[in-house]
Amino acid sequence: MGRVEPRPGLVGTGMGADPEKIRELQEEASRQERARRKKPKKPFRKVMREKQLKSEGYE
């Protein structure tokens, strides 16, 4: 048996909103937000190296 889709007449009323569809929309929104982030000013490797040197007393 196939998936049951909401009818176009129900769009916008909230009657066709099911938890699965809401979860899909939230996941897509978070993926798009992560894709739009700017590149960090420092690479992660450099940040960790500086932290290591600081903890060892070199800085």
Protein backbone atom coordinates (compact mmCIF):
# COMPACT_ATOMS: atom_id res chain seq x y z
CA MET A 1 0.00 0.00 0.00
CA GLY A 2 1.41 3.40 -0.98
CA ARG A 3 1.78 6.49 1.10
CA VAL A 4 -1.34 8.59 1.62
CA GLU A 5 -0.77 12.22 0.58
CA PRO A 6 -2.89 15.16 1.74
CA ARG A 7 -5.36 16.54 -0.80
CA PRO A 8 -4.58 19.95 -2.35
CA GLY A 9 -7.75 21.40 -0.81
CA LEU A 10 -6.35 20.86 2.65
CA VAL A 11 -3.15 22.78 2.01
CA GLY A 12 -2.95 25.82 4.25
CA THR A 13 -5.59 24.68 6.71
CA GLY A 14 -3.23 22.64 8.88
CA MET A 15 -5.42 19.56 8.51
CA GLY A 16 -2.87 17.85 6.27
CA ALA A 17 0.05 18.40 8.66
CA ASP A 18 1.34 15.15 10.06
CA PRO A 19 4.37 14.74 12.35
CA GLU A 20 6.43 13.08 9.60
CA LYS A 21 5.89 15.98 7.18
CA ILE A 22 6.68 18.55 9.88
CA ARG A 23 9.90 16.68 10.73
CA GLU A 24 10.90 16.62 7.04
CA LEU A 25 10.34 20.38 6.76
CA GLN A 26 12.37 21.06 9.92
CA GLU A 27 15.26 18.88 8.70
CA GLU A 28 15.28 20.64 5.32
CA ALA A 29 15.31 24.05 7.00
CA SER A 30 18.26 23.06 9.20
CA ARG A 31 20.16 21.67 6.18
CA GLN A 32 19.63 24.92 4.30
CA GLU A 33 20.76 26.95 7.31
CA ARG A 34 23.99 24.94 7.62
CA ALA A 35 24.64 25.32 3.88
CA ARG A 36 24.43 29.12 4.10
CA ARG A 37 26.97 29.53 6.90
CA LYS A 38 30.10 31.47 6.10
CA LYS A 39 33.47 29.78 6.09
CA PRO A 40 35.31 30.09 9.43
CA LYS A 41 38.11 32.65 9.67
CA LYS A 42 40.51 30.02 11.08
CA PRO A 43 40.62 26.35 10.17
CA PHE A 44 39.63 23.96 12.95
CA ARG A 45 43.08 22.36 12.90
CA LYS A 46 44.75 25.72 13.64
CA VAL A 47 42.39 26.48 16.52
CA MET A 48 43.07 23.08 18.09
CA ARG A 49 46.84 23.45 17.61
CA GLU A 50 46.82 26.86 19.32
CA LYS A 51 44.79 25.42 22.19
CA GLN A 52 47.24 22.53 22.56
CA LEU A 53 50.25 24.86 22.57
CA LYS A 54 48.59 27.12 25.12
CA SER A 55 47.85 24.18 27.44
CA GLU A 56 51.46 23.02 27.14
CA GLY A 57 52.69 26.48 28.15
CA TYR A 58 54.21 27.56 24.82
CA GLU A 59 52.04 30.64 24.42
